[in-house]
């Protein structure tokens, strides 16, 4: 086994860690490395998306239930977990959308939430950090703010002049954006399902795809083989029972088809303080050599 290294993933809400990169984190835990999932908010404003859980007693206790779901998902993946402690901003609806409530994550000053994340970085001392791209993966205000503070904390964590009360400085070595929803991947799954005589949930989605929008797959630099951990990923997703309908499209593609067509989870390297060669197949590429030198 390689020397133990540390990976931090930063997410906006509970369940994001299971729908974005969960098989990767399970793989690195199995390889003997340490993985910390940071969840910026408690998901308090989330809707109940699983009809089987849409009951009055669940709605009345949603914050507590989502915390319990997160604990179960972390256990399944084998990761450590930290709540950053901010309040879910919700997804404003309307044209124009209404202003966000005061005090929620996306309205807290960036330097405040960045400082909290710097504290966690300096305590956990990750070698690699994963977050969302500048679009947040999708334009939820909490996802965009998660991106903003993750990049800011990566850059600030090693600087002793910034956030001097946040602990001993520590500089992570690599920063990645996760990319999961590519048109190319969806097309492969759609065609594979039809070729097997199965119904595909992706036809309408593909038909409505904005052809002027670049496919995020074009930004990918690093593909991590993790197909053997897809079951664990799906189990972690199902642990978020208020958010994930087990009959939904999340589980429409059989795992053998997924492993055949797309056995990786995919990332974009955006900061590196170590030598590496692109494309990569390992988030720790270059880190092992740096740490052990």
Protein backbone atom coordinates (compact mmCIF):
# COMPACT_ATOMS: atom_id res chain seq x y z
CA UNK A 1 0.00 0.00 0.00
CA UNK A 2 1.21 3.52 -0.76
CA UNK A 3 1.87 5.89 2.12
CA UNK A 4 -1.35 7.25 3.57
CA UNK A 5 -2.41 10.49 1.89
CA UNK A 6 -5.32 12.81 2.62
CA UNK A 7 -8.18 13.87 0.34
CA UNK A 8 -10.80 16.52 1.17
CA UNK A 9 -14.03 16.94 -0.80
CA UNK A 10 -16.15 20.06 -0.23
CA UNK A 11 -19.89 19.93 -0.91
CA UNK A 12 -22.87 22.23 -0.52
CA UNK A 13 -25.52 19.89 0.95
CA UNK A 14 -25.86 16.41 2.42
CA UNK A 15 -26.33 13.94 -0.48
CA UNK A 16 -23.95 15.88 -2.79
CA UNK A 17 -21.06 13.75 -1.53
CA UNK A 18 -22.91 10.62 -2.68
CA UNK A 19 -24.02 11.89 -6.08
CA UNK A 20 -20.65 13.45 -6.99
CA UNK A 21 -17.49 11.40 -6.66
CA UNK A 22 -18.63 8.87 -4.07
CA UNK A 23 -17.05 5.87 -5.79
CA UNK A 24 -13.76 7.79 -5.94
CA UNK A 25 -13.79 8.47 -2.22
CA UNK A 26 -14.71 4.85 -1.47
CA UNK A 27 -11.81 3.70 -3.65
CA UNK A 28 -9.27 5.90 -1.88
CA UNK A 29 -10.52 4.81 1.54
CA UNK A 30 -10.15 1.18 0.43
CA UNK A 31 -6.60 2.02 -0.73
CA UNK A 32 -5.78 3.08 2.83
CA UNK A 33 -5.94 6.85 2.46
CA UNK A 34 -7.89 9.32 4.60
CA UNK A 35 -10.90 11.09 3.11
CA UNK A 36 -12.78 13.96 4.73
CA UNK A 37 -16.12 15.16 3.35
CA UNK A 38 -16.97 18.74 4.30
CA UNK A 39 -20.65 19.67 3.99
CA UNK A 40 -21.20 23.43 3.99
CA UNK A 41 -24.90 23.45 4.97
CA UNK A 42 -27.37 21.20 6.70
CA UNK A 43 -29.68 20.93 3.72
CA UNK A 44 -32.48 22.47 5.78
CA UNK A 45 -34.21 24.03 2.77
CA UNK A 46 -34.24 20.89 0.65
CA UNK A 47 -37.50 19.41 -0.57
CA UNK A 48 -38.51 15.81 0.09
CA UNK A 49 -37.84 14.26 -3.31
CA UNK A 50 -38.72 10.65 -2.49
CA UNK A 51 -42.52 10.16 -2.47
CA UNK A 52 -42.18 7.32 0.03
CA UNK A 53 -40.67 9.76 2.55
CA UNK A 54 -43.11 12.63 1.92
CA UNK A 55 -44.87 12.35 5.26
CA UNK A 56 -45.76 15.03 7.85
CA UNK A 57 -43.49 13.61 10.55
CA UNK A 58 -40.55 13.61 8.12
CA UNK A 59 -41.17 17.19 6.99
CA UNK A 60 -41.40 18.30 10.62
CA UNK A 61 -37.99 16.85 11.44
CA UNK A 62 -36.18 17.23 8.13
CA UNK A 63 -32.97 18.87 9.48
CA UNK A 64 -32.42 16.07 12.03
CA UNK A 65 -33.28 13.38 9.49
CA UNK A 66 -30.85 14.79 6.93
CA UNK A 67 -28.07 14.76 9.55
CA UNK A 68 -28.79 11.10 10.27
CA UNK A 69 -28.84 10.31 6.54
CA UNK A 70 -25.46 12.00 6.14
CA UNK A 71 -23.99 9.98 9.00
CA UNK A 72 -25.18 6.75 7.39
CA UNK A 73 -23.81 7.71 3.97
CA UNK A 74 -20.42 8.60 5.49
CA UNK A 75 -20.37 5.22 7.25
CA UNK A 76 -21.12 3.40 4.00
CA UNK A 77 -18.34 5.24 2.13
CA UNK A 78 -15.90 4.95 5.03
CA UNK A 79 -15.17 8.67 5.01
CA UNK A 80 -14.74 11.15 7.82
CA UNK A 81 -17.25 13.99 7.88
CA UNK A 82 -17.42 17.62 9.02
CA UNK A 83 -20.37 20.02 9.03
CA UNK A 84 -19.17 23.52 8.21
CA UNK A 85 -22.25 24.84 9.97
CA UNK A 86 -24.01 27.19 7.55
CA UNK A 87 -27.72 27.32 6.70
CA UNK A 88 -29.05 26.02 3.38
CA UNK A 89 -29.95 28.97 1.12
CA UNK A 90 -32.63 27.12 -0.81
CA UNK A 91 -33.12 27.41 -4.55
CA UNK A 92 -35.05 30.64 -5.27
CA UNK A 93 -37.81 30.29 -7.87
CA UNK A 94 -39.50 33.01 -9.89
CA UNK A 95 -38.74 35.51 -12.64
CA UNK A 96 -36.96 37.40 -11.33
CA UNK A 97 -36.08 35.11 -8.39
CA UNK A 98 -36.71 36.53 -4.93
CA UNK A 99 -33.76 37.65 -2.78
CA UNK A 100 -32.19 35.05 -0.53
CA UNK A 101 -32.97 35.17 3.19
CA UNK A 102 -30.48 36.91 5.43
CA UNK A 103 -27.97 34.70 7.21
CA UNK A 104 -28.01 31.76 4.79
CA UNK A 105 -24.81 30.32 3.35
CA UNK A 106 -24.87 32.23 0.06
CA UNK A 107 -25.37 35.58 1.83
CA UNK A 108 -22.77 35.14 4.58
CA UNK A 109 -19.68 37.20 3.67
CA UNK A 110 -17.25 35.08 1.67
CA UNK A 111 -14.37 35.80 4.05
CA UNK A 112 -16.39 34.41 6.98
CA UNK A 113 -17.20 31.06 5.35
CA UNK A 114 -13.72 30.88 3.79
CA UNK A 115 -12.20 31.32 7.22
CA UNK A 116 -14.23 28.42 8.57
CA UNK A 117 -13.09 26.18 5.74
CA UNK A 118 -9.46 27.26 6.23
CA UNK A 119 -9.74 26.06 9.85
CA UNK A 120 -10.80 22.62 8.65
CA UNK A 121 -8.07 22.49 5.98
CA UNK A 122 -5.39 23.38 8.49
CA UNK A 123 -6.65 20.76 10.92
CA UNK A 124 -7.11 17.90 8.42
CA UNK A 125 -4.10 18.91 6.25
CA UNK A 126 -5.31 17.51 2.91
CA UNK A 127 -2.91 16.88 0.06
CA UNK A 128 -5.74 17.09 -2.49
CA UNK A 129 -9.00 19.08 -2.47
CA UNK A 130 -12.05 18.52 -4.69
CA UNK A 131 -14.90 21.00 -5.18
CA UNK A 132 -17.30 22.25 -7.89
CA UNK A 133 -16.45 24.38 -10.92
CA UNK A 134 -17.34 28.05 -11.24
CA UNK A 135 -20.90 27.11 -12.27
CA UNK A 136 -21.37 25.05 -9.13
CA UNK A 137 -22.05 21.94 -11.21
CA UNK A 138 -25.46 23.56 -11.57
CA UNK A 139 -26.38 27.14 -10.64
CA UNK A 140 -27.64 26.67 -7.08
CA UNK A 141 -26.42 29.60 -4.95
CA UNK A 142 -24.94 27.25 -2.36
CA UNK A 143 -23.02 25.30 -5.00
CA UNK A 144 -21.56 28.49 -6.42
CA UNK A 145 -20.61 29.73 -2.96
CA UNK A 146 -19.09 26.32 -2.20
CA UNK A 147 -16.87 26.75 -5.26
CA UNK A 148 -15.89 30.26 -4.22
CA UNK A 149 -14.85 29.42 -0.68
CA UNK A 150 -13.11 26.17 -1.67
CA UNK A 151 -10.84 27.98 -4.14
CA UNK A 152 -10.26 30.84 -1.71
CA UNK A 153 -9.45 28.47 1.15
CA UNK A 154 -7.07 26.42 -1.01
CA UNK A 155 -5.16 29.60 -1.82
CA UNK A 156 -5.27 30.97 1.76
CA UNK A 157 -4.64 27.88 3.84
CA UNK A 158 -0.87 27.94 3.38
CA UNK A 159 -0.47 31.69 3.92
CA UNK A 160 0.41 32.56 7.56
CA UNK A 161 -0.72 36.15 7.00
CA UNK A 162 -4.28 35.09 6.15
CA UNK A 163 -6.67 33.91 8.84
CA UNK A 164 -3.90 33.82 11.48
CA UNK A 165 -6.32 32.51 14.13
CA UNK A 166 -7.39 29.53 12.00
CA UNK A 167 -4.50 27.24 12.94
CA UNK A 168 -1.05 26.36 11.68
CA UNK A 169 -0.73 27.04 7.93
CA UNK A 170 -1.02 24.07 5.58
CA UNK A 171 -0.80 24.17 1.79
CA UNK A 172 -2.76 21.52 -0.14
CA UNK A 173 -0.93 20.41 -3.27
CA UNK A 174 -3.70 19.91 -5.83
CA UNK A 175 -7.19 21.31 -6.45
CA UNK A 176 -9.76 19.62 -8.67
CA UNK A 177 -13.25 20.35 -9.95
CA UNK A 178 -15.57 17.36 -10.25
CA UNK A 179 -17.41 16.83 -13.55
CA UNK A 180 -20.19 14.28 -13.72
CA UNK A 181 -22.99 15.38 -16.02
CA UNK A 182 -21.55 15.23 -19.52
CA UNK A 183 -23.56 14.85 -22.72
CA UNK A 184 -21.09 12.25 -23.99
CA UNK A 185 -21.61 10.04 -20.94
CA UNK A 186 -25.39 10.39 -21.16
CA UNK A 187 -25.38 9.50 -24.85
CA UNK A 188 -23.33 6.37 -24.22
CA UNK A 189 -25.72 5.19 -21.51
CA UNK A 190 -28.77 6.05 -23.63
CA UNK A 191 -27.49 4.08 -26.62
CA UNK A 192 -26.36 1.13 -24.48
CA UNK A 193 -29.79 0.83 -22.88
CA UNK A 194 -31.59 0.98 -26.23
CA UNK A 195 -29.20 -1.61 -27.71
CA UNK A 196 -30.19 -3.98 -24.91
CA UNK A 197 -33.88 -3.42 -25.56
CA UNK A 198 -34.26 -1.45 -22.35
CA UNK A 199 -36.07 1.81 -21.76
CA UNK A 200 -33.81 4.85 -21.43
CA UNK A 201 -34.69 7.82 -19.20
CA UNK A 202 -32.31 10.08 -21.11
CA UNK A 203 -34.00 10.58 -24.48
CA UNK A 204 -36.04 13.64 -23.52
CA UNK A 205 -33.12 15.10 -21.58
CA UNK A 206 -30.80 14.74 -24.57
CA UNK A 207 -33.39 16.22 -26.91
CA UNK A 208 -33.56 19.34 -24.76
CA UNK A 209 -29.79 19.64 -24.29
CA UNK A 210 -28.55 23.12 -25.13
CA UNK A 211 -26.18 22.46 -28.04
CA UNK A 212 -24.47 25.81 -27.49
CA UNK A 213 -23.33 24.78 -24.03
CA UNK A 214 -19.88 23.17 -24.00
CA UNK A 215 -19.80 19.60 -22.73
CA UNK A 216 -18.03 19.55 -19.33
CA UNK A 217 -16.29 16.36 -20.46
CA UNK A 218 -14.05 18.55 -22.60
CA UNK A 219 -12.56 19.99 -19.40
CA UNK A 220 -11.69 16.65 -17.83
CA UNK A 221 -8.00 16.03 -17.13
CA UNK A 222 -8.24 13.11 -14.72
CA UNK A 223 -10.33 9.93 -14.87
CA UNK A 224 -10.31 7.76 -11.75
CA UNK A 225 -11.14 4.07 -12.25
CA UNK A 226 -13.66 3.20 -9.55
CA UNK A 227 -16.26 0.90 -11.12
CA UNK A 228 -15.91 -1.71 -8.40
CA UNK A 229 -17.21 0.86 -5.91
CA UNK A 230 -20.39 1.79 -7.81
CA UNK A 231 -22.50 -0.40 -5.49
CA UNK A 232 -21.16 1.46 -2.48
CA UNK A 233 -21.88 4.77 -4.19
CA UNK A 234 -25.47 3.72 -4.83
CA UNK A 235 -25.90 2.48 -1.26
CA UNK A 236 -24.67 5.86 0.01
CA UNK A 237 -27.12 7.62 -2.31
CA UNK A 238 -30.00 5.50 -1.04
CA UNK A 239 -29.03 6.42 2.52
CA UNK A 240 -30.28 9.93 1.69
CA UNK A 241 -33.80 8.58 1.58
CA UNK A 242 -35.53 11.98 1.75
CA UNK A 243 -33.66 13.15 -1.34
CA UNK A 244 -33.20 10.07 -3.51
CA UNK A 245 -36.08 8.09 -4.98
CA UNK A 246 -34.78 4.52 -5.42
CA UNK A 247 -36.91 4.21 -8.57
CA UNK A 248 -35.39 7.34 -10.16
CA UNK A 249 -33.01 7.72 -13.10
CA UNK A 250 -30.06 7.66 -10.67
CA UNK A 251 -30.38 3.87 -10.77
CA UNK A 252 -31.69 3.38 -14.32
CA UNK A 253 -28.44 2.11 -15.84
CA UNK A 254 -27.37 -1.39 -14.69
CA UNK A 255 -23.99 -1.40 -13.01
CA UNK A 256 -22.48 -3.78 -15.56
CA UNK A 257 -23.44 -1.31 -18.31
CA UNK A 258 -21.91 1.56 -16.34
CA UNK A 259 -18.67 -0.35 -15.82
CA UNK A 260 -18.54 -1.25 -19.50
CA UNK A 261 -19.35 2.20 -20.85
CA UNK A 262 -17.93 4.60 -18.26
CA UNK A 263 -16.06 3.02 -15.32
CA UNK A 264 -14.51 6.28 -14.11
CA UNK A 265 -15.37 9.43 -12.19
CA UNK A 266 -13.96 12.51 -13.80
CA UNK A 267 -12.15 15.64 -12.65
CA UNK A 268 -10.44 18.79 -13.86
CA UNK A 269 -7.07 19.71 -12.36
CA UNK A 270 -7.10 23.47 -11.76
CA UNK A 271 -4.20 23.97 -9.31
CA UNK A 272 -1.09 21.86 -8.86
CA UNK A 273 2.01 22.47 -6.80
CA UNK A 274 3.51 19.13 -7.87
CA UNK A 275 4.74 17.79 -11.18
CA UNK A 276 2.20 15.67 -13.00
CA UNK A 277 1.47 14.59 -16.56
CA UNK A 278 -1.95 15.02 -18.14
CA UNK A 279 -4.15 13.14 -18.63
CA UNK A 280 -4.08 11.52 -15.19
CA UNK A 281 -5.73 8.44 -13.70
CA UNK A 282 -4.97 9.23 -10.05
CA UNK A 283 -5.80 12.32 -7.98
CA UNK A 284 -2.60 11.74 -6.03
CA UNK A 285 -0.41 11.68 -9.14
CA UNK A 286 2.74 13.63 -8.26
CA UNK A 287 1.74 13.94 -4.61
CA UNK A 288 3.24 10.62 -3.50
CA UNK A 289 6.60 11.57 -4.99
CA UNK A 290 6.49 15.03 -3.36
CA UNK A 291 5.48 13.80 0.07
CA UNK A 292 7.92 10.90 0.17
CA UNK A 293 10.87 12.82 -1.30
